[in-house]
Amino acid sequence: MKNVRPLIRFSCLAIALVLASCANVPGTSDSVASQRGAASPRSVKVLIITMFSPEAEAWTKRMPFPDEVRVAGLSPDYPVVRCTPAGVCLLTTGMGHTNAAASTMAVVLSGRFDLSQAYFLVAGIAGIDPNVGTIGAATWARYLVDYGIAHEIDAREMPSTWKAGYLGIHAKDPDTKPVLNYRTEVFQLDEVLLQKALKITSGLALQDNDTARAYRALYSQAAARKAPSVLQCDTAAGDTYWHGSDLGEWATRWTALLTDGKGVYCTTQQEDNATYEALKRGAGAGLLDLRRVAVLRTGSNFDRPHDGQSAYESLNTRSGGFPAATANLFIVGSPLVQEIVTHWDRWKDGVPRD
């Protein structure tokens, strides 16, 4: 804990200095923006995408977002996009596939923002596989896999040779890769940006707490027992908030199947494929660059129980992961945002190669 608070203060100070350098640039309030109209969209350097209040507050409690832009089509719970004069904006979509896709698309097509050079940081919490990481850990994804696009046969009725009651749409069994007719089953993020994010954030001291330390010690897996750190592993999205060892093992196999053995499942959440598809359609319309999307997920809970614990008990336990995970969204995400904004001359035309 001693190393965390100075890091947070440094990140906040650095971003505050960037904002202060832009203090003479007039902020765009909702009323001013509506007077300017779509002919003068607001230029965005980084759009941070969160899904609900605790994820958004990880940012708003640590850096100022003085401007609010009301956008038609956003969730009534989160009707505005918050922005800084330096070009950092924060969107909260609402939870789940439907809210994520609708809110992201509303912003992309609103005409209120120039996203042509923007970077997109999806920053949210997730369940985490104890075989790969631990509660509080921060993970950068290479692959986004949709966990929910599948046939399901109740496990009590599935063939006896199957390990799970899920199989790809029109696949003959769970081990056969389906034809990806939905075009949203799996996405691969830009490798250059991923490696840059890892380089900038690896080695950061992450927030932890005594409750989380005590809880992770109950797990036998070495990865689960470690202190939280920054990792590269992949994420599976699905609106069903599943939990348990058997479903977790299916997530591992499904991720490997859809990525031809290249992906390593570690986090489960609800929104990322939907968010990415909305951005992809914006890119198809020439409004943004899809190579500028990064996905950060922090482990707020384990996705399965420890030995001697039931899945239901695990689902409802207070592990201490939530406060660590929400805090670490900013601790890990802000250095990337800071790097982009502070050195915009190097980032505006694409991810620097050096």
Protein backbone atom coordinates (compact mmCIF):
# COMPACT_ATOMS: atom_id res chain seq x y z
CA MET A 1 0.00 0.00 0.00
CA LYS A 2 2.88 2.41 0.66
CA ASN A 3 3.81 2.53 -3.03
CA VAL A 4 0.26 2.94 -4.32
CA ARG A 5 -0.74 6.34 -2.98
CA PRO A 6 2.33 8.17 -4.35
CA LEU A 7 1.65 6.53 -7.73
CA ILE A 8 -1.96 7.72 -7.70
CA ARG A 9 -0.85 11.24 -6.71
CA PHE A 10 1.76 11.24 -9.47
CA SER A 11 -0.74 10.10 -12.10
CA CYS A 12 -3.29 12.68 -10.99
CA LEU A 13 -0.66 15.43 -10.86
CA ALA A 14 0.65 14.62 -14.30
CA ILE A 15 -2.81 14.67 -15.82
CA ALA A 16 -3.68 17.83 -13.90
CA LEU A 17 -0.61 19.52 -15.40
CA VAL A 18 -1.80 18.56 -18.87
CA LEU A 19 -5.20 20.03 -18.11
CA ALA A 20 -3.66 23.17 -16.67
CA SER A 21 -1.65 23.68 -19.83
CA CYS A 22 -4.96 23.78 -21.70
CA ALA A 23 -6.70 26.10 -19.24
CA ASN A 24 -6.97 28.88 -21.79
CA VAL A 25 -8.93 26.66 -24.16
CA PRO A 26 -12.67 27.24 -23.61
CA GLY A 27 -14.55 24.16 -22.39
CA THR A 28 -17.48 23.01 -24.43
CA SER A 29 -20.55 22.96 -22.23
CA ASP A 30 -23.71 21.21 -23.35
CA SER A 31 -25.36 24.50 -24.32
CA VAL A 32 -22.34 25.77 -26.24
CA ALA A 33 -21.87 22.44 -27.99
CA SER A 34 -25.47 22.41 -29.13
CA GLN A 35 -25.11 25.95 -30.50
CA ARG A 36 -22.02 24.91 -32.45
CA GLY A 37 -23.77 21.79 -33.74
CA ALA A 38 -22.37 18.91 -35.73
CA ALA A 39 -20.33 21.27 -37.92
CA SER A 40 -17.90 21.75 -35.02
CA PRO A 41 -17.47 18.38 -33.36
CA ARG A 42 -15.29 18.15 -30.29
CA SER A 43 -11.85 16.66 -31.01
CA VAL A 44 -11.11 13.65 -28.81
CA LYS A 45 -7.69 12.22 -28.06
CA VAL A 46 -8.84 9.43 -25.71
CA LEU A 47 -12.34 8.11 -25.09
CA ILE A 48 -12.49 6.06 -21.89
CA ILE A 49 -15.41 3.63 -21.96
CA THR A 50 -16.79 2.39 -18.65
CA MET A 51 -19.96 0.41 -18.00
CA PHE A 52 -21.34 1.55 -14.63
CA SER A 53 -20.82 4.11 -11.89
CA PRO A 54 -18.02 2.48 -9.85
CA GLU A 55 -15.89 2.10 -12.98
CA ALA A 56 -16.54 5.72 -13.98
CA GLU A 57 -15.85 6.98 -10.46
CA ALA A 58 -12.42 5.35 -10.56
CA TRP A 59 -11.63 8.18 -13.00
CA THR A 60 -13.87 11.06 -11.95
CA LYS A 61 -12.69 10.95 -8.33
CA ARG A 62 -9.06 11.26 -9.40
CA MET A 63 -9.11 13.69 -12.32
CA PRO A 64 -11.46 16.50 -13.34
CA PHE A 65 -13.90 16.21 -16.24
CA PRO A 66 -15.37 19.74 -16.21
CA ASP A 67 -17.37 19.57 -19.44
CA GLU A 68 -20.52 17.57 -20.04
CA VAL A 69 -21.92 16.82 -23.48
CA ARG A 70 -25.45 15.44 -23.57
CA VAL A 71 -25.86 12.87 -26.34
CA ALA A 72 -29.18 11.61 -27.67
CA GLY A 73 -29.48 7.86 -27.37
CA LEU A 74 -27.35 7.34 -24.26
CA SER A 75 -28.68 5.43 -21.27
CA PRO A 76 -30.99 7.61 -19.13
CA ASP A 77 -28.81 6.55 -16.19
CA TYR A 78 -25.70 8.00 -17.88
CA PRO A 79 -26.95 10.65 -20.32
CA VAL A 80 -23.74 12.68 -20.77
CA VAL A 81 -20.19 12.23 -21.93
CA ARG A 82 -17.73 13.96 -19.61
CA CYS A 83 -14.67 15.63 -21.14
CA THR A 84 -11.54 17.59 -20.26
CA PRO A 85 -10.18 20.56 -22.23
CA ALA A 86 -7.16 18.37 -23.04
CA GLY A 87 -9.25 15.99 -25.15
CA VAL A 88 -9.95 13.11 -22.75
CA CYS A 89 -13.61 12.04 -22.60
CA LEU A 90 -15.42 9.50 -20.43
CA LEU A 91 -18.46 7.49 -21.55
CA THR A 92 -20.50 5.23 -19.26
CA THR A 93 -22.61 2.89 -21.35
CA GLY A 94 -24.71 0.97 -18.85
CA MET A 95 -24.11 -2.74 -18.22
CA GLY A 96 -24.63 -5.64 -20.59
CA HIS A 97 -24.38 -6.20 -24.34
CA THR A 98 -27.41 -4.12 -25.29
CA ASN A 99 -26.48 -1.01 -23.30
CA ALA A 100 -22.84 -1.18 -24.36
CA ALA A 101 -23.63 -1.42 -28.08
CA ALA A 102 -26.41 1.18 -28.05
CA SER A 103 -24.51 3.79 -26.02
CA THR A 104 -21.24 3.38 -27.91
CA MET A 105 -23.04 3.64 -31.24
CA ALA A 106 -24.93 6.72 -30.06
CA VAL A 107 -21.67 8.51 -29.32
CA VAL A 108 -19.92 7.36 -32.50
CA LEU A 109 -22.80 8.52 -34.74
CA SER A 110 -23.78 11.61 -32.75
CA GLY A 111 -21.72 14.10 -34.75
CA ARG A 112 -20.75 15.71 -31.44
CA PHE A 113 -17.23 14.29 -31.44
CA ASP A 114 -14.35 14.06 -33.89
CA LEU A 115 -13.07 10.54 -33.23
CA SER A 116 -10.89 10.28 -36.32
CA GLN A 117 -7.66 10.27 -34.28
CA ALA A 118 -9.10 9.11 -30.96
CA TYR A 119 -7.82 6.21 -28.89
CA PHE A 120 -10.41 4.10 -27.08
CA LEU A 121 -9.76 2.59 -23.67
CA VAL A 122 -12.41 0.15 -22.47
CA ALA A 123 -11.83 0.01 -18.70
CA GLY A 124 -13.95 -2.28 -16.54
CA ILE A 125 -13.93 -4.94 -13.85
CA ALA A 126 -14.38 -8.66 -14.45
CA GLY A 127 -14.32 -12.11 -12.94
CA ILE A 128 -10.90 -13.73 -13.17
CA ASP A 129 -9.66 -17.30 -13.59
CA PRO A 130 -7.52 -18.28 -10.55
CA ASN A 131 -5.39 -20.46 -12.83
CA VAL A 132 -4.18 -17.34 -14.66
CA GLY A 133 -4.51 -14.33 -12.35
CA THR A 134 -5.84 -13.01 -9.07
CA ILE A 135 -8.32 -10.53 -7.68
CA GLY A 136 -7.02 -6.99 -8.17
CA ALA A 137 -4.92 -7.99 -11.18
CA ALA A 138 -5.07 -5.82 -14.31
CA THR A 139 -5.29 -7.57 -17.68
CA TRP A 140 -4.78 -6.25 -21.20
CA ALA A 141 -6.63 -8.32 -23.80
CA ARG A 142 -5.46 -9.47 -27.20
CA TYR A 143 -8.65 -11.38 -28.02
CA LEU A 144 -12.29 -10.57 -27.24
CA VAL A 145 -14.39 -13.74 -27.32
CA ASP A 146 -18.19 -13.88 -27.13
CA TYR A 147 -19.10 -16.57 -24.60
CA GLY A 148 -22.82 -16.39 -25.34
CA ILE A 149 -23.12 -17.10 -29.08
CA ALA A 150 -23.66 -20.84 -28.81
CA HIS A 151 -26.13 -23.67 -28.65
CA GLU A 152 -26.84 -24.84 -25.10
CA ILE A 153 -28.06 -28.23 -24.01
CA ASP A 154 -28.78 -28.64 -20.31
CA ALA A 155 -25.85 -30.49 -18.76
CA ARG A 156 -28.27 -33.10 -17.42
CA GLU A 157 -29.31 -33.93 -20.99
CA MET A 158 -26.05 -33.59 -22.92
CA PRO A 159 -24.24 -36.59 -24.44
CA SER A 160 -22.22 -38.44 -21.82
CA THR A 161 -18.94 -37.89 -23.69
CA TRP A 162 -19.25 -34.09 -23.65
CA LYS A 163 -17.47 -31.93 -21.09
CA ALA A 164 -20.02 -29.10 -21.37
CA GLY A 165 -23.50 -28.50 -22.70
CA TYR A 166 -22.35 -25.69 -24.98
CA LEU A 167 -21.30 -25.91 -28.61
CA GLY A 168 -20.87 -23.40 -31.40
CA ILE A 169 -23.85 -22.51 -33.59
CA HIS A 170 -24.34 -25.41 -36.06
CA ALA A 171 -21.19 -27.17 -34.80
CA LYS A 172 -21.46 -30.94 -34.37
CA ASP A 173 -19.96 -31.00 -30.86
CA PRO A 174 -18.19 -28.75 -28.32
CA ASP A 175 -14.76 -29.47 -29.79
CA THR A 176 -15.61 -28.34 -33.32
CA LYS A 177 -14.95 -24.71 -34.24
CA PRO A 178 -18.12 -23.18 -35.67
CA VAL A 179 -18.37 -21.10 -38.80
CA LEU A 180 -18.30 -17.52 -37.51
CA ASN A 181 -21.47 -16.37 -39.23
CA TYR A 182 -22.31 -13.69 -36.65
CA ARG A 183 -19.02 -11.88 -37.35
CA THR A 184 -18.85 -10.87 -33.67
CA GLU A 185 -17.77 -14.14 -32.06
CA VAL A 186 -14.10 -13.16 -31.74
CA PHE A 187 -12.03 -10.02 -32.29
CA GLN A 188 -8.28 -9.48 -32.18
CA LEU A 189 -7.02 -6.13 -30.93
CA ASP A 190 -4.10 -4.25 -32.45
CA GLU A 191 -0.84 -5.87 -31.38
CA VAL A 192 1.25 -2.69 -31.55
CA LEU A 193 -1.04 -0.82 -29.17
CA LEU A 194 -1.28 -3.86 -26.89
CA GLN A 195 2.49 -4.11 -26.58
CA LYS A 196 2.78 -0.38 -25.97
CA ALA A 197 0.18 -0.57 -23.19
CA LEU A 198 2.04 -3.47 -21.59
CA LYS A 199 5.35 -1.64 -21.80
CA ILE A 200 3.92 1.50 -20.19
CA THR A 201 2.12 -0.28 -17.36
CA SER A 202 4.15 -3.39 -16.52
CA GLY A 203 5.68 -3.24 -13.07
CA LEU A 204 3.16 -0.79 -11.61
CA ALA A 205 2.37 -1.19 -7.91
CA LEU A 206 -1.32 -2.08 -7.75
CA GLN A 207 -3.76 -1.52 -4.93
CA ASP A 208 -4.52 -4.43 -2.62
CA ASN A 209 -6.13 -4.96 0.79
CA ASP A 210 -6.07 -7.38 3.71
CA THR A 211 -9.44 -8.95 2.83
CA ALA A 212 -8.24 -9.77 -0.68
CA ARG A 213 -4.94 -11.16 0.61
CA ALA A 214 -6.72 -13.44 3.05
CA TYR A 215 -9.23 -14.63 0.46
CA ARG A 216 -6.73 -15.42 -2.29
CA ALA A 217 -4.71 -17.46 0.22
CA LEU A 218 -7.63 -19.95 0.28
CA TYR A 219 -6.91 -20.91 -3.35
CA SER A 220 -4.40 -23.61 -4.21
CA GLN A 221 -3.45 -22.16 -7.62
CA ALA A 222 -0.13 -20.31 -7.63
CA ALA A 223 -1.49 -17.53 -9.88
CA ALA A 224 -4.41 -16.91 -7.53
CA ARG A 225 -2.16 -16.58 -4.47
CA LYS A 226 0.13 -13.94 -5.98
CA ALA A 227 -0.19 -10.21 -5.38
CA PRO A 228 -2.03 -8.37 -8.17
CA SER A 229 0.03 -7.36 -11.19
CA VAL A 230 -0.38 -6.36 -14.83
CA LEU A 231 -0.96 -9.32 -17.16
CA GLN A 232 -1.72 -10.07 -20.79
CA CYS A 233 -4.56 -12.54 -21.20
CA ASP A 234 -7.90 -12.64 -22.93
CA THR A 235 -11.50 -11.90 -22.07
CA ALA A 236 -14.86 -13.58 -22.70
CA ALA A 237 -18.09 -11.59 -22.90
CA GLY A 238 -21.61 -12.83 -22.29
CA ASP A 239 -24.71 -11.41 -20.68
CA THR A 240 -25.19 -14.47 -18.46
CA TYR A 241 -23.24 -13.84 -15.24
CA TRP A 242 -21.99 -17.43 -14.97
CA HIS A 243 -19.90 -18.85 -12.17
CA GLY A 244 -18.17 -22.14 -11.33
CA SER A 245 -15.32 -24.46 -12.22
CA ASP A 246 -17.07 -26.37 -15.01
CA LEU A 247 -18.22 -23.20 -16.78
CA GLY A 248 -14.78 -21.69 -16.25
CA GLU A 249 -13.14 -24.66 -17.92
CA TRP A 250 -15.55 -24.24 -20.83
CA ALA A 251 -14.53 -20.57 -21.13
CA THR A 252 -10.91 -21.68 -21.38
CA ARG A 253 -11.67 -24.26 -24.10
CA TRP A 254 -14.03 -21.95 -25.98
CA THR A 255 -11.47 -19.14 -26.07
CA ALA A 256 -8.79 -21.50 -27.34
CA LEU A 257 -11.19 -22.95 -29.94
CA LEU A 258 -12.25 -19.61 -31.39
CA THR A 259 -8.69 -18.23 -31.47
CA ASP A 260 -7.14 -21.38 -32.97
CA GLY A 261 -5.23 -22.04 -29.77
CA LYS A 262 -3.70 -18.57 -29.56
CA GLY A 263 -5.93 -17.03 -26.90
CA VAL A 264 -5.64 -17.52 -23.14
CA TYR A 265 -8.89 -16.96 -21.27
CA CYS A 266 -8.61 -15.13 -17.97
CA THR A 267 -11.51 -12.70 -17.47
CA THR A 268 -15.27 -12.87 -17.84
CA GLN A 269 -17.47 -9.82 -18.38
CA GLN A 270 -20.58 -8.83 -20.31
CA GLU A 271 -19.85 -6.06 -22.78
CA ASP A 272 -16.60 -6.04 -24.72
CA ASN A 273 -17.63 -7.73 -27.96
CA ALA A 274 -20.69 -5.49 -28.17
CA THR A 275 -18.63 -2.35 -27.55
CA TYR A 276 -16.04 -3.39 -30.11
CA GLU A 277 -18.65 -4.16 -32.75
CA ALA A 278 -20.14 -0.66 -32.33
CA LEU A 279 -16.67 0.83 -32.78
CA LYS A 280 -16.07 -1.46 -35.75
CA ARG A 281 -19.15 -0.11 -37.48
CA GLY A 282 -17.95 3.40 -36.78
CA ALA A 283 -14.64 2.49 -38.37
CA GLY A 284 -16.51 1.10 -41.36
CA ALA A 285 -18.19 4.47 -41.73
CA GLY A 286 -14.80 6.19 -41.73
CA LEU A 287 -15.33 7.83 -38.33
CA LEU A 288 -12.55 6.20 -36.31
CA ASP A 289 -9.48 3.97 -36.43
CA LEU A 290 -10.13 0.49 -35.04
CA ARG A 291 -6.40 -0.05 -34.47
CA ARG A 292 -6.64 2.41 -31.58
CA VAL A 293 -8.76 0.26 -29.25
CA ALA A 294 -7.38 -1.16 -25.99
CA VAL A 295 -9.30 -3.28 -23.45
CA LEU A 296 -8.34 -3.26 -19.78
CA ARG A 297 -10.13 -5.56 -17.34
CA THR A 298 -9.31 -5.87 -13.63
CA GLY A 299 -10.22 -8.88 -11.49
CA SER A 300 -12.94 -8.04 -8.99
CA ASN A 301 -13.76 -11.65 -8.09
CA PHE A 302 -12.67 -15.16 -8.93
CA ASP A 303 -14.85 -16.87 -11.54
CA ARG A 304 -14.94 -20.15 -9.59
CA PRO A 305 -14.69 -21.39 -5.97
CA HIS A 306 -11.67 -22.54 -4.01
CA ASP A 307 -11.39 -26.10 -2.75
CA GLY A 308 -14.13 -26.93 -0.26
CA GLN A 309 -16.34 -24.02 -1.34
CA SER A 310 -19.50 -24.28 -3.44
CA ALA A 311 -19.99 -22.22 -6.58
CA TYR A 312 -22.94 -20.47 -4.96
CA GLU A 313 -20.90 -19.57 -1.87
CA SER A 314 -18.11 -18.29 -4.10
CA LEU A 315 -20.50 -16.18 -6.15
CA ASN A 316 -21.83 -14.44 -3.06
CA THR A 317 -18.64 -14.04 -1.02
CA ARG A 318 -16.99 -10.70 -0.20
CA SER A 319 -13.46 -11.29 -1.42
CA GLY A 320 -12.07 -7.76 -1.19
CA GLY A 321 -11.45 -7.77 -4.92
CA PHE A 322 -13.98 -5.10 -5.85
CA PRO A 323 -12.28 -2.06 -4.22
CA ALA A 324 -8.88 -3.16 -5.49
CA ALA A 325 -10.16 -3.79 -9.01
CA THR A 326 -11.95 -0.45 -9.35
CA ALA A 327 -8.96 1.47 -8.01
CA ASN A 328 -6.59 -0.37 -10.33
CA LEU A 329 -8.58 0.68 -13.40
CA PHE A 330 -7.19 4.18 -12.90
CA ILE A 331 -3.77 3.12 -11.63
CA VAL A 332 -3.15 1.06 -14.77
CA GLY A 333 -5.26 2.94 -17.30
CA SER A 334 -4.15 6.48 -16.50
CA PRO A 335 -0.46 6.07 -17.46
CA LEU A 336 -1.55 5.10 -20.99
CA VAL A 337 -3.96 8.04 -21.18
CA GLN A 338 -1.29 10.36 -19.80
CA GLU A 339 1.29 9.14 -22.32
CA ILE A 340 -1.07 9.70 -25.26
CA VAL A 341 -2.20 13.18 -24.22
CA THR A 342 1.18 14.45 -23.03
CA HIS A 343 2.96 13.26 -26.18
CA TRP A 344 0.13 13.80 -28.64
CA ASP A 345 2.54 14.91 -31.35
CA ARG A 346 3.94 11.35 -31.30
CA TRP A 347 0.58 9.54 -30.99
CA LYS A 348 -1.77 11.49 -33.21
CA ASP A 349 -0.75 9.71 -36.41
CA GLY A 350 -0.63 6.25 -34.84
CA VAL A 351 0.99 4.27 -32.06
CA PRO A 352 4.69 5.19 -31.78
CA ARG A 353 6.90 2.28 -32.75
CA ASP A 354 9.75 3.15 -30.39
